[in-house]
Structures are given as structure tokens and as C-alpha cells.
N, C-alpha and C. Protein backbone atom coordinates (compact mmCIF):
# COMPACT_ATOMS: atom_id res chain seq x y z
N UNK A 1 434.17 137.63 138.15
CA UNK A 1 433.81 137.99 136.73
C UNK A 1 433.86 136.65 135.86
N UNK A 2 432.59 136.17 135.28
CA UNK A 2 432.55 134.99 134.46
C UNK A 2 433.33 135.21 133.19
N UNK A 3 433.52 134.06 132.42
CA UNK A 3 434.33 134.15 131.25
C UNK A 3 433.49 134.91 130.24
N UNK A 4 432.08 134.87 130.25
CA UNK A 4 431.45 135.39 129.26
C UNK A 4 431.41 136.89 129.53
N UNK A 5 431.50 137.18 130.67
CA UNK A 5 431.44 138.84 131.13
C UNK A 5 432.70 139.29 130.73
N UNK A 6 434.03 138.72 130.67
CA UNK A 6 435.21 139.26 130.46
C UNK A 6 435.48 139.29 128.78
N UNK A 7 434.68 138.26 128.04
CA UNK A 7 434.60 138.54 126.61
C UNK A 7 434.10 139.61 126.52
N UNK A 8 432.84 140.05 126.82
CA UNK A 8 432.13 141.12 126.39
C UNK A 8 432.78 142.31 126.92
N UNK A 9 433.38 142.46 128.09
CA UNK A 9 434.21 143.69 128.34
C UNK A 9 435.29 144.00 127.47
N UNK A 10 436.08 142.90 127.23
CA UNK A 10 437.26 142.97 126.17
C UNK A 10 436.78 143.58 124.87
N UNK A 11 435.81 143.05 124.42
CA UNK A 11 435.22 143.58 123.00
C UNK A 11 434.63 145.01 123.22
N UNK A 12 434.02 145.42 124.36
CA UNK A 12 433.62 146.80 124.35
C UNK A 12 434.92 147.81 124.63
N UNK A 13 435.98 147.18 125.20
CA UNK A 13 437.22 147.75 125.36
C UNK A 13 437.91 147.97 123.93
N UNK A 14 437.82 147.09 123.18
CA UNK A 14 438.65 147.32 121.90
C UNK A 14 437.58 147.90 120.78
N UNK A 15 436.42 147.83 120.83
CA UNK A 15 435.52 148.54 119.78
C UNK A 15 434.74 149.84 120.49
N UNK A 16 435.43 150.90 120.67
CA UNK A 16 434.84 152.08 121.45
C UNK A 16 433.64 152.79 120.52
N UNK A 17 433.56 152.59 119.49
CA UNK A 17 432.53 153.51 118.62
C UNK A 17 431.57 152.61 117.79
N UNK A 18 430.24 153.17 117.90
CA UNK A 18 429.29 152.55 117.06
C UNK A 18 429.25 153.05 115.67
N UNK A 19 428.74 152.29 114.58
CA UNK A 19 428.88 152.92 113.43
C UNK A 19 428.19 154.41 113.29
N UNK A 20 427.34 154.65 113.96
CA UNK A 20 426.92 156.00 113.83
C UNK A 20 427.99 157.20 114.30
N UNK A 21 428.59 156.76 115.35
CA UNK A 21 429.70 157.55 115.81
C UNK A 21 430.69 157.72 114.84
N UNK A 22 430.98 156.60 114.35
CA UNK A 22 432.15 156.59 113.33
C UNK A 22 431.50 157.41 111.95
N UNK A 23 430.44 157.54 111.77
CA UNK A 23 429.94 158.41 110.52
C UNK A 23 429.83 159.84 110.85
N UNK A 24 430.14 160.22 112.18
CA UNK A 24 430.09 161.57 112.84
C UNK A 24 428.62 161.92 113.14
N UNK A 25 428.03 160.97 113.39
CA UNK A 25 426.30 161.33 114.12
C UNK A 25 426.63 161.42 115.71
N UNK A 26 426.06 162.46 115.90
CA UNK A 26 425.78 162.48 117.59
C UNK A 26 424.47 162.19 117.81
N UNK A 27 424.41 160.98 118.03
CA UNK A 27 423.19 160.56 118.18
C UNK A 27 422.37 160.70 119.35
N UNK A 28 421.42 161.83 119.25
CA UNK A 28 420.35 161.94 120.38
C UNK A 28 418.96 161.89 119.83
N UNK A 29 418.21 161.78 120.80
CA UNK A 29 416.65 161.71 120.31
C UNK A 29 416.10 162.91 119.61
N UNK A 30 416.82 163.26 118.67
CA UNK A 30 416.28 164.53 117.82
C UNK A 30 416.05 164.32 116.38
N UNK A 31 415.43 165.28 115.71
CA UNK A 31 415.02 164.68 114.38
C UNK A 31 416.30 164.81 113.32
N UNK A 32 417.35 165.81 113.66
CA UNK A 32 418.56 165.78 112.77
C UNK A 32 419.38 164.32 112.95
N UNK A 33 419.68 163.99 114.08
CA UNK A 33 420.53 162.76 114.29
C UNK A 33 419.80 161.59 113.83
N UNK A 34 418.46 161.48 114.17
CA UNK A 34 417.86 160.48 113.79
C UNK A 34 417.60 160.22 112.33
N UNK A 35 417.61 161.52 111.62
CA UNK A 35 417.41 161.34 109.91
C UNK A 35 418.81 160.88 109.65
N UNK A 36 419.98 161.27 110.12
CA UNK A 36 421.30 161.11 109.71
C UNK A 36 421.37 159.65 110.03
N UNK A 37 420.75 159.04 111.06
CA UNK A 37 420.94 157.39 111.14
C UNK A 37 420.20 156.66 110.14
N UNK A 38 419.21 157.33 109.50
CA UNK A 38 418.45 156.79 108.35
C UNK A 38 419.33 156.81 107.09
N UNK A 39 419.89 157.80 106.94
CA UNK A 39 420.71 157.93 105.79
C UNK A 39 421.73 156.72 105.89
N UNK A 40 422.47 156.63 107.01
CA UNK A 40 423.67 155.71 107.25
C UNK A 40 423.03 154.09 107.15
N UNK A 41 421.90 154.11 107.75
CA UNK A 41 421.22 152.62 107.37
C UNK A 41 420.75 152.39 106.01
N UNK A 42 420.60 153.34 105.30
CA UNK A 42 420.39 153.06 103.60
C UNK A 42 421.61 152.70 103.08
N UNK A 43 422.71 153.76 103.31
CA UNK A 43 423.96 153.31 102.91
C UNK A 43 424.53 151.83 103.42
N UNK A 44 424.37 151.36 104.37
CA UNK A 44 424.94 150.23 104.98
C UNK A 44 424.04 149.03 104.53
N UNK A 45 422.87 149.24 104.07
CA UNK A 45 422.00 148.19 103.50
C UNK A 45 422.55 147.69 102.28
N UNK A 46 423.37 148.26 101.33
CA UNK A 46 423.80 147.77 100.24
C UNK A 46 425.00 146.63 100.44
N UNK A 47 425.13 145.94 99.33
CA UNK A 47 426.12 144.98 99.24
C UNK A 47 427.38 145.57 99.19
N UNK A 48 427.88 146.17 100.25
CA UNK A 48 429.16 146.95 100.26
C UNK A 48 429.86 147.04 101.49
N UNK A 49 431.16 147.35 101.53
CA UNK A 49 431.86 147.23 102.79
C UNK A 49 431.33 148.12 103.79
N UNK A 50 431.10 147.93 104.91
CA UNK A 50 430.79 149.03 105.98
C UNK A 50 431.59 150.29 105.98
N UNK A 51 432.62 150.00 105.82
CA UNK A 51 433.55 151.07 105.95
C UNK A 51 433.25 152.12 104.95
N UNK A 52 433.03 151.29 103.63
CA UNK A 52 432.66 152.65 102.56
C UNK A 52 431.42 153.17 102.69
N UNK A 53 430.63 152.54 103.24
CA UNK A 53 429.04 153.25 103.71
C UNK A 53 429.31 154.38 104.55
N UNK A 54 430.03 153.93 105.70
CA UNK A 54 430.28 155.09 106.60
C UNK A 54 430.98 156.38 106.08
N UNK A 55 432.09 156.06 105.11
CA UNK A 55 432.77 156.95 104.50
C UNK A 55 431.90 158.04 103.44
N UNK A 56 430.96 157.16 102.94
CA UNK A 56 429.99 157.90 101.96
C UNK A 56 428.99 158.91 103.06
N UNK A 57 428.48 158.28 103.81
CA UNK A 57 427.84 158.93 105.08
C UNK A 57 428.43 160.56 105.35
N UNK A 58 429.88 160.25 105.61
CA UNK A 58 430.48 161.43 106.25
C UNK A 58 430.57 162.33 104.88
N UNK A 59 430.63 162.02 103.85
CA UNK A 59 430.74 162.81 102.75
C UNK A 59 429.27 163.59 102.59
N UNK A 60 428.23 162.93 102.74
CA UNK A 60 426.93 163.47 102.71
C UNK A 60 426.89 164.34 103.48
N UNK A 61 427.08 164.26 104.81
CA UNK A 61 427.16 165.16 105.98
C UNK A 61 428.00 166.21 106.09
N UNK A 62 428.93 166.05 105.24
CA UNK A 62 430.17 167.24 105.31
C UNK A 62 429.64 168.17 104.14
N UNK A 63 428.78 167.65 103.10
CA UNK A 63 428.38 168.63 102.16
C UNK A 63 427.02 169.44 102.84
N UNK A 64 426.73 169.06 104.04
CA UNK A 64 425.55 169.94 104.89
C UNK A 64 424.23 169.54 104.69
N UNK A 65 424.07 167.92 104.20
CA UNK A 65 422.80 167.48 103.89
C UNK A 65 422.59 166.64 105.10
N UNK A 66 422.27 167.25 106.49
CA UNK A 66 421.99 166.54 107.71
C UNK A 66 420.60 166.45 107.88
N UNK A 67 419.80 167.08 107.25
CA UNK A 67 418.42 167.04 107.23
C UNK A 67 417.60 166.56 106.05
N UNK A 68 416.40 166.23 106.19
CA UNK A 68 415.78 165.70 105.18
C UNK A 68 415.63 166.88 104.21
N UNK A 69 415.29 168.12 104.75
CA UNK A 69 415.15 169.27 103.86
C UNK A 69 416.45 169.53 103.03
N UNK A 70 417.55 169.45 103.68
CA UNK A 70 418.58 169.76 102.82
C UNK A 70 419.11 168.48 101.88
N UNK A 71 418.78 167.48 102.26
CA UNK A 71 419.06 166.15 101.29
C UNK A 71 418.13 166.51 99.99
N UNK A 72 416.82 166.75 100.36
CA UNK A 72 416.05 166.98 98.91
C UNK A 72 416.40 168.00 98.29
N UNK A 73 416.71 169.17 98.86
CA UNK A 73 417.13 170.38 98.18
C UNK A 73 418.63 170.10 97.31
N UNK A 74 419.50 169.31 97.75
CA UNK A 74 420.56 168.76 96.93
C UNK A 74 420.17 168.35 95.52
N UNK A 75 420.83 168.56 94.63
CA UNK A 75 420.46 167.76 93.19
C UNK A 75 420.91 166.34 93.24
N UNK A 76 420.41 165.80 92.26
CA UNK A 76 420.79 164.28 92.28
C UNK A 76 422.31 164.19 91.74
N UNK A 77 422.77 164.85 91.04
CA UNK A 77 424.26 165.04 90.62
C UNK A 77 425.25 165.28 91.88
N UNK A 78 424.61 166.28 92.70
CA UNK A 78 425.52 166.57 93.82
C UNK A 78 425.44 165.48 94.86
N UNK A 79 424.59 164.63 94.88
CA UNK A 79 424.27 163.64 95.81
C UNK A 79 425.40 162.34 95.33
N UNK A 80 425.20 162.02 94.08
CA UNK A 80 426.21 161.15 93.30
C UNK A 80 427.38 161.48 93.40
N UNK A 81 427.85 162.85 93.42
CA UNK A 81 429.11 163.29 93.41
C UNK A 81 429.64 163.04 94.71
N UNK A 82 428.94 163.31 95.75
CA UNK A 82 429.25 163.15 97.27
C UNK A 82 429.58 161.42 97.73
N UNK A 83 428.51 160.81 97.09
CA UNK A 83 428.72 159.42 97.25
C UNK A 83 429.86 158.77 96.51
N UNK A 84 430.48 159.28 95.41
CA UNK A 84 431.49 159.06 94.70
C UNK A 84 432.78 159.33 95.44
N UNK A 85 432.66 160.43 96.06
CA UNK A 85 433.95 160.87 97.09
C UNK A 85 434.16 160.02 98.34
N UNK A 86 433.13 159.09 98.63
CA UNK A 86 433.19 158.23 99.63
C UNK A 86 433.49 156.90 99.02
N UNK A 87 433.74 156.91 97.58
CA UNK A 87 433.87 155.46 96.97
C UNK A 87 432.67 154.64 96.98
N UNK A 88 431.59 155.23 97.12
CA UNK A 88 430.32 154.36 96.99
C UNK A 88 429.79 154.39 95.70
N UNK A 89 430.66 153.81 94.71
CA UNK A 89 430.50 153.90 93.15
C UNK A 89 429.47 152.97 92.76
N UNK A 90 429.49 151.88 92.99
CA UNK A 90 428.76 150.72 92.64
C UNK A 90 427.15 151.04 92.71
N UNK A 91 426.87 151.61 93.54
CA UNK A 91 425.33 151.99 93.71
C UNK A 91 425.07 153.59 93.86
N UNK A 92 426.04 154.23 93.55
CA UNK A 92 425.72 155.85 93.70
C UNK A 92 424.62 156.49 93.05
N UNK A 93 424.29 156.04 91.76
CA UNK A 93 423.15 156.65 91.01
C UNK A 93 421.90 156.17 91.63
N UNK A 94 421.68 155.11 91.86
CA UNK A 94 420.50 154.59 92.56
C UNK A 94 420.33 155.15 93.90
N UNK A 95 421.49 155.13 94.86
CA UNK A 95 421.19 155.44 96.08
C UNK A 95 421.00 156.90 95.97
N UNK A 96 421.43 157.79 95.28
CA UNK A 96 421.13 159.12 95.17
C UNK A 96 419.75 159.42 95.06
N UNK A 97 419.18 158.68 94.14
CA UNK A 97 417.65 158.74 93.73
C UNK A 97 416.75 158.11 95.08
N UNK A 98 417.33 157.21 95.94
CA UNK A 98 416.66 156.76 96.72
C UNK A 98 416.71 157.87 98.08
N UNK A 99 417.71 158.25 98.20
CA UNK A 99 417.77 159.51 99.32
C UNK A 99 416.98 160.76 99.14
N UNK A 100 416.90 161.14 97.77
CA UNK A 100 415.91 162.02 97.69
C UNK A 100 414.62 161.85 97.68
N UNK A 101 414.34 160.65 97.45
CA UNK A 101 412.95 160.01 97.52
C UNK A 101 412.54 159.83 98.98
N UNK A 102 413.65 159.32 99.49
CA UNK A 102 413.25 158.91 101.12
C UNK A 102 413.24 160.18 102.04
N UNK A 103 414.02 161.30 101.40
CA UNK A 103 413.65 162.66 102.16
C UNK A 103 412.73 163.28 102.18
N UNK A 104 411.96 163.20 100.96
CA UNK A 104 410.63 163.54 100.93
C UNK A 104 409.56 162.72 101.55
N UNK A 105 409.49 161.56 101.40
CA UNK A 105 408.84 160.63 102.38
C UNK A 105 408.87 161.08 103.85
N UNK A 106 410.13 161.52 104.44
CA UNK A 106 410.30 161.59 105.65
C UNK A 106 409.69 162.98 106.14
N UNK A 107 409.69 163.81 104.99
CA UNK A 107 408.93 165.31 105.36
C UNK A 107 407.35 165.03 105.35
N UNK A 108 406.97 164.55 104.16
CA UNK A 108 405.47 164.13 104.08
C UNK A 108 404.82 163.37 105.13
N UNK A 109 405.47 162.16 105.39
CA UNK A 109 404.82 161.27 106.21
C UNK A 109 405.13 161.65 107.81
N UNK A 110 406.48 162.07 108.04
CA UNK A 110 406.68 162.23 109.25
C UNK A 110 407.19 163.66 109.73
N UNK A 111 406.83 164.72 108.76
CA UNK A 111 407.00 166.06 109.07
C UNK A 111 408.80 166.17 109.51
N UNK A 112 409.52 165.38 108.91
CA UNK A 112 410.92 165.48 109.06
C UNK A 112 411.51 165.05 110.52
N UNK A 113 410.51 164.21 111.36
CA UNK A 113 410.83 163.98 112.62
C UNK A 113 410.32 162.51 112.98
N UNK A 114 411.69 161.60 112.95
CA UNK A 114 411.38 160.38 113.06
C UNK A 114 410.92 160.02 114.57
N UNK A 115 410.88 160.66 115.42
CA UNK A 115 410.41 160.59 116.64
C UNK A 115 408.88 160.37 116.51
N UNK A 116 408.40 160.79 115.37
CA UNK A 116 406.90 160.68 115.28
C UNK A 116 406.48 159.13 114.67
N UNK A 117 407.61 158.63 114.01
CA UNK A 117 407.38 157.15 113.64
C UNK A 117 407.79 156.48 115.02
N UNK A 118 408.49 156.61 115.74
CA UNK A 118 408.60 155.95 117.31
C UNK A 118 407.24 156.08 117.98
N UNK A 119 406.73 157.06 117.95
CA UNK A 119 405.64 157.01 119.00
C UNK A 119 404.32 156.45 118.16
N UNK A 120 404.33 156.72 116.89
CA UNK A 120 403.23 155.60 116.21
C UNK A 120 403.39 154.27 116.51
N UNK A 121 404.61 153.75 116.45
CA UNK A 121 404.71 152.38 116.73
C UNK A 121 404.57 151.89 118.16
N UNK A 122 404.56 153.00 118.95
CA UNK A 122 404.60 152.78 120.44
C UNK A 122 406.08 151.95 120.83
N UNK A 123 406.95 152.43 120.30
CA UNK A 123 408.18 151.53 120.66
C UNK A 123 408.28 150.08 120.59
N UNK A 124 407.33 149.63 119.71
CA UNK A 124 407.45 148.09 119.37
C UNK A 124 408.15 147.90 118.20
N UNK A 125 409.22 146.81 118.43
CA UNK A 125 410.35 146.90 117.62
C UNK A 125 409.65 146.27 116.07
N UNK A 126 408.89 145.33 116.07
CA UNK A 126 408.11 144.88 114.93
C UNK A 126 407.42 145.87 113.98
N UNK A 127 406.72 146.75 114.85
CA UNK A 127 405.89 147.72 114.06
C UNK A 127 407.20 148.84 113.60
N UNK A 128 407.92 149.05 114.37
CA UNK A 128 409.02 150.09 114.09
C UNK A 128 409.63 149.52 112.56
N UNK A 129 410.07 148.27 112.56
CA UNK A 129 410.64 147.64 111.33
C UNK A 129 409.89 147.83 110.24
N UNK A 130 408.44 147.70 110.30
CA UNK A 130 407.51 147.70 109.19
C UNK A 130 407.48 149.20 108.86
N UNK A 131 407.44 150.15 109.45
CA UNK A 131 407.38 151.51 109.33
C UNK A 131 408.78 152.02 108.51
N UNK A 132 410.04 151.49 108.89
CA UNK A 132 411.12 151.97 108.57
C UNK A 132 411.35 151.17 107.02
N UNK A 133 410.80 150.15 106.82
CA UNK A 133 410.95 149.47 105.46
C UNK A 133 410.03 150.27 104.51
N UNK A 134 409.13 151.43 104.69
CA UNK A 134 408.42 151.94 103.74
C UNK A 134 409.54 153.00 103.11
N UNK A 135 410.63 153.07 103.69
CA UNK A 135 411.65 154.35 102.93
C UNK A 135 412.44 153.30 101.96
N UNK A 136 412.40 153.82 100.86
CA UNK A 136 413.23 153.53 99.70
C UNK A 136 414.78 153.10 100.29
N UNK A 137 415.05 151.76 99.82
CA UNK A 137 416.43 151.22 100.28
C UNK A 137 416.65 150.85 101.64
N UNK A 138 415.37 150.82 102.37
CA UNK A 138 415.43 150.22 103.81
C UNK A 138 414.69 149.05 103.81
N UNK A 139 415.22 147.97 103.83
CA UNK A 139 414.45 146.66 103.59
C UNK A 139 414.87 146.12 105.20
N UNK A 140 414.24 144.89 105.36
CA UNK A 140 414.69 144.24 106.81
C UNK A 140 416.08 144.42 107.26
N UNK A 141 416.96 144.25 106.51
CA UNK A 141 418.45 144.57 106.89
C UNK A 141 418.58 145.99 107.38
N UNK A 142 418.28 146.76 106.68
CA UNK A 142 418.25 148.22 106.83
C UNK A 142 417.49 148.54 108.18
N UNK A 143 416.38 148.27 108.43
CA UNK A 143 415.51 148.49 109.53
C UNK A 143 416.21 148.02 110.71
N UNK A 144 416.78 146.68 110.82
CA UNK A 144 417.54 146.13 111.73
C UNK A 144 418.84 147.22 112.01
N UNK A 145 419.69 147.63 111.09
CA UNK A 145 420.83 148.41 111.26
C UNK A 145 420.12 149.79 112.07
N UNK A 146 419.00 150.39 111.64
CA UNK A 146 418.83 151.61 112.56
C UNK A 146 418.36 151.30 113.78
N UNK A 147 417.55 150.10 114.07
CA UNK A 147 417.14 149.94 115.34
C UNK A 147 418.31 149.60 116.19
N UNK A 148 419.27 148.85 115.71
CA UNK A 148 420.33 148.38 116.44
C UNK A 148 421.09 149.41 117.10
N UNK A 149 421.10 150.68 116.23
CA UNK A 149 421.76 151.70 116.57
C UNK A 149 421.02 152.62 117.49
N UNK A 150 419.83 152.81 116.80
CA UNK A 150 418.73 153.73 117.77
C UNK A 150 418.35 153.29 119.07
N UNK A 151 418.49 152.14 119.43
CA UNK A 151 418.29 151.44 120.87
C UNK A 151 419.22 152.31 122.05
N UNK A 152 420.17 152.96 121.55
CA UNK A 152 421.05 153.89 122.40
C UNK A 152 420.14 154.96 122.86
N UNK A 153 419.22 155.60 122.09
CA UNK A 153 418.37 156.59 122.43
C UNK A 153 417.07 156.12 122.58
N UNK A 154 416.53 155.08 122.19
CA UNK A 154 415.23 154.70 122.24
C UNK A 154 415.15 153.30 123.33
N UNK A 155 415.01 153.80 124.51
CA UNK A 155 415.57 152.56 125.66
C UNK A 155 414.47 151.55 125.30
N UNK A 156 413.11 151.88 125.00
CA UNK A 156 412.07 150.77 124.87
C UNK A 156 412.39 149.90 123.70
N UNK A 157 413.39 149.92 123.00
CA UNK A 157 413.69 149.10 121.81
C UNK A 157 414.64 147.85 122.52
N UNK A 158 415.40 148.41 123.43
CA UNK A 158 416.18 147.62 124.02
C UNK A 158 416.00 146.24 124.69
N UNK A 159 416.58 145.18 124.57
CA UNK A 159 417.74 145.02 123.95
C UNK A 159 417.45 144.62 122.57
N UNK A 160 418.18 145.15 121.57
CA UNK A 160 417.66 144.94 120.11
C UNK A 160 419.02 144.19 119.65
N UNK A 161 418.91 143.01 119.18
CA UNK A 161 419.89 142.19 118.47
C UNK A 161 419.65 141.81 117.19
N UNK A 162 420.24 141.95 116.15
CA UNK A 162 419.66 141.56 114.85
C UNK A 162 420.52 140.09 114.68
N UNK A 163 420.45 139.78 113.23
CA UNK A 163 421.05 138.46 113.02
C UNK A 163 422.51 138.54 112.92
N UNK A 164 422.94 139.95 112.37
CA UNK A 164 424.46 139.81 112.53
C UNK A 164 425.05 140.10 114.08
N UNK A 165 424.41 140.70 114.69
CA UNK A 165 424.65 140.70 116.33
C UNK A 165 424.98 139.38 116.83
N UNK A 166 423.75 138.59 116.38
CA UNK A 166 423.93 137.23 117.33
C UNK A 166 424.86 136.31 116.37
N UNK A 167 425.25 136.65 115.04
CA UNK A 167 426.38 135.87 114.42
C UNK A 167 427.57 136.16 115.09
N UNK A 168 427.87 137.42 115.59
CA UNK A 168 429.20 137.91 115.95
C UNK A 168 429.14 137.18 117.44
N UNK A 169 427.93 137.12 118.30
CA UNK A 169 427.88 136.49 119.69
C UNK A 169 428.41 135.03 119.46
N UNK A 170 427.89 134.49 118.53
CA UNK A 170 428.31 132.68 118.37
C UNK A 170 429.75 132.81 118.15
N UNK A 171 430.41 133.70 117.39
CA UNK A 171 431.77 133.49 117.02
C UNK A 171 432.45 133.61 118.29
N UNK A 172 431.97 134.25 119.19
CA UNK A 172 432.82 134.56 120.42
C UNK A 172 432.17 133.73 121.76
N UNK A 173 431.36 132.80 121.16
CA UNK A 173 430.79 131.81 122.26
C UNK A 173 429.92 132.39 123.29
N UNK A 174 429.31 133.51 122.92
CA UNK A 174 428.56 134.12 123.65
C UNK A 174 426.92 133.70 123.52
N UNK A 175 426.16 134.07 124.36
CA UNK A 175 424.47 133.59 124.33
C UNK A 175 424.05 134.29 122.95
N UNK A 176 423.56 133.40 122.23
CA UNK A 176 422.90 133.88 120.90
C UNK A 176 421.48 134.41 121.16
N UNK A 177 421.09 135.26 122.02
CA UNK A 177 419.80 135.61 122.18
C UNK A 177 419.96 137.05 122.83
N UNK A 178 419.14 138.02 122.61
CA UNK A 178 419.37 139.31 123.16
C UNK A 178 419.22 139.49 124.57
N UNK A 179 418.33 138.82 125.41
CA UNK A 179 418.32 138.80 126.76
C UNK A 179 419.74 138.30 127.42
N UNK A 180 420.02 137.06 126.84
CA UNK A 180 421.16 136.67 127.53
C UNK A 180 422.44 137.54 127.21
N UNK A 181 422.47 138.16 126.14
CA UNK A 181 423.47 139.23 125.73
C UNK A 181 423.36 140.37 126.68
N UNK A 182 422.22 141.05 126.89
CA UNK A 182 422.06 142.09 127.61
C UNK A 182 422.40 141.68 129.07
N UNK A 183 422.52 140.50 129.59
CA UNK A 183 423.03 140.36 130.93
C UNK A 183 424.55 140.40 130.98
N UNK A 184 425.51 140.70 130.09
CA UNK A 184 426.61 140.70 130.22
C UNK A 184 427.17 142.36 130.07
N UNK A 185 426.35 143.24 129.61
CA UNK A 185 426.77 144.51 129.76
C UNK A 185 425.88 145.39 130.60
N UNK A 186 426.01 146.55 130.88
CA UNK A 186 425.24 147.58 131.37
C UNK A 186 424.22 147.90 130.42
N UNK A 187 422.87 148.51 130.79
CA UNK A 187 421.85 148.80 129.70
C UNK A 187 422.34 149.70 128.76
N UNK A 188 423.02 150.80 129.60
CA UNK A 188 423.26 151.82 128.58
C UNK A 188 424.49 151.39 127.40
N UNK A 189 425.06 150.30 127.83
CA UNK A 189 426.23 150.00 126.76
C UNK A 189 425.73 149.08 125.68
N UNK A 190 424.40 148.68 125.73
CA UNK A 190 424.00 147.41 125.00
C UNK A 190 424.05 147.76 123.50
N UNK A 191 423.64 149.38 123.03
CA UNK A 191 423.72 149.42 121.69
C UNK A 191 425.16 149.20 121.06
N UNK A 192 426.22 149.96 121.80
CA UNK A 192 427.57 149.72 121.34
C UNK A 192 427.98 148.25 121.40
N UNK A 193 427.48 147.61 122.20
CA UNK A 193 427.72 146.18 122.48
C UNK A 193 427.30 145.34 121.11
N UNK A 194 426.26 145.81 120.94
CA UNK A 194 425.63 145.04 119.64
C UNK A 194 426.44 145.44 118.31
N UNK A 195 426.82 146.79 118.27
CA UNK A 195 427.43 147.10 117.27
C UNK A 195 428.98 146.55 116.90
N UNK A 196 429.60 146.32 118.19
CA UNK A 196 430.84 145.71 118.02
C UNK A 196 430.70 144.13 117.95
N UNK A 197 429.68 143.57 118.21
CA UNK A 197 429.48 142.14 117.67
C UNK A 197 429.16 141.97 116.23
N UNK A 198 428.67 143.24 115.85
CA UNK A 198 428.61 142.97 114.21
C UNK A 198 429.98 143.17 113.47
N UNK A 199 430.76 143.81 114.16
CA UNK A 199 432.25 143.93 113.56
C UNK A 199 432.98 142.55 113.83
N UNK A 200 432.76 141.87 114.72
CA UNK A 200 433.09 140.62 114.68
C UNK A 200 432.29 139.61 113.64
N UNK A 201 431.18 139.72 113.44
CA UNK A 201 430.38 139.00 112.48
C UNK A 201 430.93 139.29 110.98
N UNK A 202 431.34 140.48 110.82
CA UNK A 202 431.82 140.96 109.59
C UNK A 202 433.36 140.85 109.41
N UNK A 203 434.13 140.27 110.23
CA UNK A 203 435.46 140.11 110.17
C UNK A 203 436.32 141.45 110.38
N UNK A 204 435.49 142.61 110.84
CA UNK A 204 436.24 143.83 111.24
C UNK A 204 437.11 143.74 112.43
N UNK A 205 436.78 142.81 113.25
CA UNK A 205 437.09 142.59 114.71
C UNK A 205 437.52 141.08 114.74
N UNK A 206 438.54 140.67 115.28
CA UNK A 206 439.01 139.29 115.27
C UNK A 206 438.47 138.64 116.55
N UNK A 207 437.69 137.67 116.43
CA UNK A 207 437.04 136.83 117.70
C UNK A 207 438.13 136.22 118.55
N UNK A 208 439.39 135.86 117.90
CA UNK A 208 440.46 135.38 118.62
C UNK A 208 441.30 136.30 119.28
N UNK A 209 441.46 137.46 118.77
CA UNK A 209 441.99 138.60 119.63
C UNK A 209 441.27 139.02 120.69
N UNK A 210 439.88 139.04 120.56
CA UNK A 210 438.97 139.57 121.70
C UNK A 210 439.21 138.42 122.67
N UNK A 211 439.08 137.03 122.51
CA UNK A 211 439.12 136.13 123.48
C UNK A 211 440.54 135.97 124.13
N UNK A 212 441.44 136.42 123.48
CA UNK A 212 442.85 136.55 123.98
C UNK A 212 443.06 137.69 124.87
N UNK A 213 442.51 138.80 124.56
CA UNK A 213 442.49 139.98 125.44
C UNK A 213 441.67 139.72 126.90
N UNK A 214 440.63 139.01 126.54
CA UNK A 214 439.96 138.37 127.69
C UNK A 214 440.43 137.56 128.79
N UNK A 215 441.36 136.63 127.99
CA UNK A 215 442.26 135.88 128.98
C UNK A 215 443.38 136.49 129.56
N UNK A 216 443.77 137.53 129.00
CA UNK A 216 444.95 138.17 129.55
C UNK A 216 444.34 139.21 130.58
N UNK A 217 443.22 139.72 130.43
CA UNK A 217 442.67 140.82 131.31
C UNK A 217 442.39 139.95 132.67
């Protein structure tokens, strides 16, 4: 096994969960989990620590708002309060509004089913990004977050590596291009690998520790 493969394996061994999994999303290609991923991507898009966004998502889901219907039915104040319980306080009021508006858009435009969005884009990443950015709070960064995680259940999107994924790869001395990275892990592992590389880019995982683990292994 080459050095790059060892580093990739060490990273996967150290970082077992994607952000979606950490937020309690059982990601499958069904309307509910895909909508929950959209909510998580909205929260992660703000300039706030990823762990705070994940905690806020868990609070929203614990309140029962795992579908666009439930999210829209919740009052604005209820959404604000749930975000506050997750310590998502700097952006709570604005985000509570965006979540309500986004839920309505999901229902009106996609009948509550983001698989329709996937089909309309024919699985093309550029078209998916454009359609996703129609949701309030989902800019290019949010679309990247969504697709980075969704590639686990949308194989036609793989290998999807956004700028943060590639930044993490550079810190580890790995190829800074999606195809090069895809050659280091199994196809089904790439989504988790991309998420783990983001943790390196954000400083949640130590590049030095990963490299040392790879050397010892």
C-alpha cells in the first residue's frame, strides 16, 4: 500500500462519521433524510463552528421537524428556541425565518421530495448546485455541503470534492483533485472520506496525527 493510501485509510479509521451521521440523519435516498440534509447544510453555511450547527440540527430534529411539512408548521419562535438550545444564537432569528421559507419552497417546488430536484438536474453537479442555491440560506458553500454528503446516496454525483475537501487533502499531502482522491478509497467510502478531509481543513482533525497514525500503521 502506498503512502497516500495509508494516509487515506488512517483518516477514515480516525473519522468514522459524516456530518449528516453526527446530526442524527440516517441518510438514504428518501424525502425525509434528504430534507434533513438540506436543513443541516443551511445551518452549516453560516459563519459558525460546525459542531454548533450540528447541535442545532439535532435540536430541530428532536423537536420533530424532520420534514418540510413539520418545519413549516412549527412557529417562528419555536424554531428560534430550538436553535438557541443548540447554541446557534448569532443567527437564530434569521435562520428560523429561512427554514420556514425554505420548507415552503421545498413543498411548492419539489412537493417535499428532493429526489425530484435530483431528477430534474439529471444528476449533474453544476445543475444541482444551481437548483440548491434557490433555497434561502443555501449559497454555493451550502450547495457544496449538501452535495458532499448526498454523494453517499446519489452515486452519479461522485466523486464530489468541494474547496474545503481539497484544502484538507493539501494539508495531508494528498492529491488536490476529486479523481485523484477517489483513487485512494473505495467508491462507497468517498463521501465519508470527503467529510473527513473537511474536518482536517477546519482543524477538527490534526493532519499531523493522521500522518503519524499512517506511519505507525
